[in-house]
Structures are given as structure tokens and as C-alpha cells.
Amino acid sequence: MEYIKRPKSVSVIASLFFAEGFLWLMVVIPGLLDPSNFLVIWLAFIGLFEVVSGIALLNGFSWGRSMILRFAPFVIVLQIAFFGFNPLLLGYIFGYLIILLFLMQSNALKYFRSDLSEYSMFQKHYLSTG
């Protein structure tokens, strides 16, 4: 039985989400000392979301892909609510559309829908023997 390798586009997107989320958390964590700042709490939540979804994508979990595809528009709406509409927001929207394109390609769909992904094979081989 041969496993399905992770597409390079999924690896790149997952790594970018993980790195961006990690950087967000490093910037926002000192601001969490003041819990009255509602914006900092939301930014920390977004950073945590990006780290978790990046790790889930790297491990081949389809819920990580679902998190990105369903929650990223919510993050865009939050940015409009807190910061207003600006030209930088068009970059976020364009980036989301590119991520949507790559995560909905046939090879990525096949990778996330199969039980033969790299992590699943590792899990079946090492974690089920005992």
C-alpha cells in the first residue's frame, strides 16, 4: 500500500500559516497582560488559530483545511471591523483567493480525503501497534 505524498502547495501554505501565527503570538503575548484590551485578545486568538491550522495541514488533517477555508473570511471581516477598509485589505482578500485555489486543487483534495496520507500511515504503523 502506497501513501499519498503531501502536495508542495499544501506544505508552503501550512508553513506560512504556522510562521505567521507564531509571529502574531510573539508580538501579541506581552499585550495579554492587560486583559481589558479586547483587540489584543482577538489578535492572540487569530495567531493561535493560524498555528493550529498550520500544524493540522502539515499533518494531513482535513479539519485544518476546513478551518482555513471557513475562518479566513471571518478574519478578513474582523480586520474590516477593527481597522476599516484599506488598500492592504485587498492583499488579504487576494491571498485568501490564492489559498482557496491551491487547497481546492484535485491533488490537495485527494490528500486530505484519503486515509493514505503520510501522517495517517505513520499513525497506523506506529501508534496502533502496542
Protein backbone atom coordinates (compact mmCIF):
# COMPACT_ATOMS: atom_id res chain seq x y z
CA MET A 1 0.00 0.00 0.00
CA GLU A 2 1.50 3.32 -1.08
CA TYR A 3 0.80 6.56 0.73
CA ILE A 4 -0.15 9.83 -0.90
CA LYS A 5 2.55 12.48 -0.54
CA ARG A 6 1.66 15.93 0.68
CA PRO A 7 1.42 18.42 -2.22
CA LYS A 8 4.07 21.14 -2.14
CA SER A 9 1.39 23.84 -2.22
CA VAL A 10 -0.10 22.45 1.00
CA SER A 11 3.35 22.39 2.62
CA VAL A 12 4.02 26.00 1.66
CA ILE A 13 0.60 27.24 2.82
CA ALA A 14 0.84 25.31 6.09
CA SER A 15 4.35 26.62 6.79
CA LEU A 16 3.27 30.19 6.07
CA PHE A 17 0.26 29.90 8.36
CA PHE A 18 2.36 28.41 11.14
CA ALA A 19 5.08 31.07 10.82
CA GLU A 20 2.61 33.95 10.64
CA GLY A 21 0.65 32.66 13.63
CA PHE A 22 3.82 32.17 15.63
CA LEU A 23 4.94 35.72 14.87
CA TRP A 24 1.49 37.08 15.76
CA LEU A 25 1.63 35.29 19.11
CA MET A 26 5.13 36.58 19.86
CA VAL A 27 4.01 40.15 19.18
CA VAL A 28 0.67 39.91 20.97
CA ILE A 29 1.53 37.85 24.07
CA PRO A 30 3.03 40.81 26.02
CA GLY A 31 -0.19 42.74 25.40
CA LEU A 32 -2.24 39.99 27.05
CA LEU A 33 -1.08 41.24 30.45
CA ASP A 34 -3.78 43.90 30.08
CA PRO A 35 -6.96 41.82 29.64
CA SER A 36 -9.12 44.92 29.11
CA ASN A 37 -7.70 45.35 25.61
CA PHE A 38 -10.24 43.44 23.50
CA LEU A 39 -8.27 43.83 20.26
CA VAL A 40 -5.22 42.07 21.71
CA ILE A 41 -7.36 39.11 22.76
CA TRP A 42 -8.74 38.76 19.22
CA LEU A 43 -5.26 39.06 17.70
CA ALA A 44 -3.98 36.34 20.03
CA PHE A 45 -6.91 34.15 19.04
CA ILE A 46 -6.12 34.68 15.34
CA GLY A 47 -2.45 33.82 15.93
CA LEU A 48 -3.40 30.65 17.81
CA PHE A 49 -5.82 29.72 15.03
CA GLU A 50 -3.07 30.09 12.42
CA VAL A 51 -0.59 27.98 14.38
CA VAL A 52 -3.11 25.18 14.99
CA SER A 53 -4.36 25.15 11.39
CA GLY A 54 -0.80 25.19 10.02
CA ILE A 55 0.15 22.18 12.15
CA ALA A 56 -3.07 20.40 11.14
CA LEU A 57 -2.34 20.99 7.45
CA LEU A 58 1.20 19.68 7.81
CA ASN A 59 -0.15 16.54 9.48
CA GLY A 60 -2.78 15.95 6.80
CA PHE A 61 -5.90 16.62 8.84
CA SER A 62 -8.81 17.76 6.71
CA TRP A 63 -10.24 19.83 9.57
CA GLY A 64 -7.18 22.06 9.30
CA ARG A 65 -8.08 22.79 5.68
CA SER A 66 -11.67 23.40 6.71
CA MET A 67 -10.54 25.80 9.44
CA ILE A 68 -8.57 27.87 6.96
CA LEU A 69 -11.25 27.89 4.28
CA ARG A 70 -14.05 28.80 6.68
CA PHE A 71 -12.32 31.00 9.22
CA ALA A 72 -10.10 33.14 6.99
CA PRO A 73 -13.08 35.17 5.68
CA PHE A 74 -14.05 35.77 9.31
CA VAL A 75 -10.57 37.15 9.97
CA ILE A 76 -10.94 39.46 6.98
CA VAL A 77 -14.28 40.71 8.36
CA LEU A 78 -12.63 41.28 11.77
CA GLN A 79 -9.91 43.33 10.12
CA ILE A 80 -12.53 45.46 8.38
CA ALA A 81 -14.38 45.91 11.69
CA PHE A 82 -11.31 46.94 13.69
CA PHE A 83 -9.21 48.77 11.12
CA GLY A 84 -11.67 49.80 8.41
CA PHE A 85 -11.31 49.17 4.72
CA ASN A 86 -7.84 49.98 3.41
CA PRO A 87 -5.80 49.01 0.33
CA LEU A 88 -3.84 46.43 2.35
CA LEU A 89 -7.07 44.52 2.85
CA LEU A 90 -7.22 43.84 -0.89
CA GLY A 91 -3.95 41.93 -0.48
CA TYR A 92 -5.54 39.77 2.23
CA ILE A 93 -8.54 39.05 0.02
CA PHE A 94 -6.34 38.23 -2.97
CA GLY A 95 -4.14 35.99 -0.78
CA TYR A 96 -7.21 34.17 0.52
CA LEU A 97 -8.37 33.52 -3.04
CA ILE A 98 -4.94 32.09 -3.92
CA ILE A 99 -5.02 29.85 -0.82
CA LEU A 100 -8.54 28.76 -1.78
CA LEU A 101 -7.33 27.90 -5.27
CA PHE A 102 -4.42 25.77 -4.04
CA LEU A 103 -6.33 23.98 -1.27
CA MET A 104 -9.17 23.08 -3.62
CA GLN A 105 -6.94 21.52 -6.30
CA SER A 106 -7.54 17.88 -7.05
CA ASN A 107 -4.23 16.65 -5.60
CA ALA A 108 -4.83 18.54 -2.34
CA LEU A 109 -8.40 17.23 -2.11
CA LYS A 110 -7.17 13.70 -2.71
CA TYR A 111 -4.52 14.12 0.00
CA PHE A 112 -6.96 15.36 2.62
CA ARG A 113 -9.71 12.87 1.79
CA SER A 114 -7.55 9.78 1.90
CA ASP A 115 -6.52 7.61 4.77
CA LEU A 116 -3.24 7.11 2.96
CA SER A 117 -1.60 10.44 3.77
CA GLU A 118 1.87 10.46 5.30
CA TYR A 119 0.65 11.11 8.84
CA SER A 120 -2.12 8.50 8.60
CA MET A 121 0.39 5.87 7.54
CA PHE A 122 2.67 6.86 10.45
CA GLN A 123 -0.28 6.76 12.82
CA LYS A 124 -1.44 3.33 11.61
CA HIS A 125 2.05 1.85 11.74
CA TYR A 126 3.45 3.27 14.98
CA LEU A 127 0.51 4.25 17.11
CA SER A 128 -1.74 1.23 16.56
CA THR A 129 0.94 -1.35 17.38
CA GLY A 130 1.30 -1.87 21.02
